């Protein structure tokens, strides 16, 4: 269980951070943004 944290899609994070989705993915790969892959 995640608790009270809200999970965002890459698209939602990009919009909130005023970045492109590509840049958000780069930051995830650089470990500057924590991410979790969730399978449906």
N, C-alpha and C. Protein backbone atom coordinates (compact mmCIF):
# COMPACT_ATOMS: atom_id res chain seq x y z
N UNK A 1 0.84 -1.19 0.00
CA UNK A 1 0.00 0.00 0.00
C UNK A 1 0.88 1.24 0.00
N UNK A 2 0.48 2.22 -0.75
CA UNK A 2 1.28 3.43 -0.93
C UNK A 2 1.09 4.40 0.23
N UNK A 3 -0.02 4.36 0.89
CA UNK A 3 -0.27 5.31 1.96
C UNK A 3 -0.94 6.57 1.44
N UNK A 4 -0.53 7.73 1.96
CA UNK A 4 -1.18 8.98 1.58
C UNK A 4 -0.56 9.65 0.37
N UNK A 5 0.51 9.09 -0.16
CA UNK A 5 1.16 9.69 -1.33
C UNK A 5 0.29 9.51 -2.56
N UNK A 6 0.25 10.54 -3.39
CA UNK A 6 -0.49 10.46 -4.65
C UNK A 6 0.47 10.06 -5.75
N UNK A 7 0.07 9.07 -6.51
CA UNK A 7 0.88 8.64 -7.64
C UNK A 7 0.46 9.42 -8.87
N UNK A 8 1.43 9.81 -9.67
CA UNK A 8 1.16 10.56 -10.89
C UNK A 8 1.70 9.80 -12.09
N UNK A 9 1.05 9.95 -13.21
CA UNK A 9 1.61 9.43 -14.46
C UNK A 9 2.73 10.36 -14.89
N UNK A 10 3.52 9.89 -15.84
CA UNK A 10 4.59 10.74 -16.39
C UNK A 10 3.96 12.01 -16.96
N UNK A 11 2.85 11.86 -17.65
CA UNK A 11 2.16 13.01 -18.25
C UNK A 11 1.73 14.01 -17.17
N UNK A 12 1.14 13.51 -16.08
CA UNK A 12 0.70 14.40 -15.00
C UNK A 12 1.88 15.10 -14.33
N UNK A 13 2.96 14.36 -14.11
CA UNK A 13 4.16 14.95 -13.50
C UNK A 13 4.74 16.03 -14.40
N UNK A 14 4.79 15.75 -15.70
CA UNK A 14 5.32 16.73 -16.65
C UNK A 14 4.50 18.01 -16.62
N UNK A 15 3.20 17.87 -16.58
CA UNK A 15 2.33 19.04 -16.56
C UNK A 15 2.54 19.85 -15.28
N UNK A 16 2.60 19.17 -14.14
CA UNK A 16 2.80 19.87 -12.86
C UNK A 16 4.15 20.56 -12.78
N UNK A 17 5.17 19.94 -13.37
CA UNK A 17 6.53 20.48 -13.31
C UNK A 17 6.85 21.39 -14.49
N UNK A 18 5.91 21.54 -15.41
CA UNK A 18 6.10 22.34 -16.61
C UNK A 18 7.32 21.86 -17.40
N UNK A 19 7.37 20.54 -17.60
CA UNK A 19 8.44 19.89 -18.36
C UNK A 19 7.80 19.01 -19.42
N UNK A 20 8.62 18.54 -20.34
CA UNK A 20 8.11 17.57 -21.30
C UNK A 20 8.11 16.19 -20.65
N UNK A 21 7.31 15.29 -21.22
CA UNK A 21 7.30 13.91 -20.73
C UNK A 21 8.69 13.29 -20.90
N UNK A 22 9.34 13.61 -22.00
CA UNK A 22 10.69 13.09 -22.24
C UNK A 22 11.65 13.53 -21.14
N UNK A 23 11.56 14.79 -20.75
CA UNK A 23 12.46 15.30 -19.69
C UNK A 23 12.16 14.63 -18.35
N UNK A 24 10.90 14.39 -18.06
CA UNK A 24 10.54 13.69 -16.82
C UNK A 24 11.15 12.29 -16.83
N UNK A 25 11.07 11.61 -17.96
CA UNK A 25 11.67 10.27 -18.06
C UNK A 25 13.19 10.33 -17.89
N UNK A 26 13.82 11.36 -18.44
CA UNK A 26 15.27 11.54 -18.25
C UNK A 26 15.59 11.70 -16.77
N UNK A 27 14.81 12.52 -16.08
CA UNK A 27 15.05 12.75 -14.64
C UNK A 27 14.83 11.47 -13.84
N UNK A 28 13.87 10.66 -14.26
CA UNK A 28 13.65 9.37 -13.60
C UNK A 28 14.87 8.49 -13.80
N UNK A 29 15.37 8.43 -15.04
CA UNK A 29 16.55 7.60 -15.33
C UNK A 29 17.79 8.09 -14.60
N UNK A 30 17.86 9.40 -14.35
CA UNK A 30 18.98 9.97 -13.60
C UNK A 30 18.78 9.86 -12.09
N UNK A 31 17.65 9.27 -11.71
CA UNK A 31 17.28 9.07 -10.29
C UNK A 31 17.09 10.40 -9.55
N UNK A 32 16.68 11.43 -10.27
CA UNK A 32 16.37 12.72 -9.65
C UNK A 32 14.90 12.81 -9.31
N UNK A 33 14.10 11.92 -9.91
CA UNK A 33 12.68 11.78 -9.58
C UNK A 33 12.45 10.31 -9.30
N UNK A 34 11.82 10.03 -8.20
CA UNK A 34 11.54 8.64 -7.85
C UNK A 34 10.31 8.16 -8.62
N UNK A 35 10.39 6.96 -9.13
CA UNK A 35 9.28 6.42 -9.91
C UNK A 35 9.07 4.95 -9.60
N UNK A 36 7.84 4.52 -9.79
CA UNK A 36 7.47 3.12 -9.63
C UNK A 36 6.64 2.73 -10.82
N UNK A 37 7.02 1.64 -11.46
CA UNK A 37 6.24 1.14 -12.58
C UNK A 37 5.12 0.28 -12.03
N UNK A 38 3.89 0.57 -12.44
CA UNK A 38 2.72 -0.17 -11.96
C UNK A 38 2.09 -0.88 -13.15
N UNK A 39 1.92 -2.18 -12.99
CA UNK A 39 1.29 -2.97 -14.05
C UNK A 39 -0.22 -2.99 -13.83
N UNK A 40 -0.95 -2.96 -14.93
CA UNK A 40 -2.41 -3.04 -14.84
C UNK A 40 -2.86 -4.47 -14.81
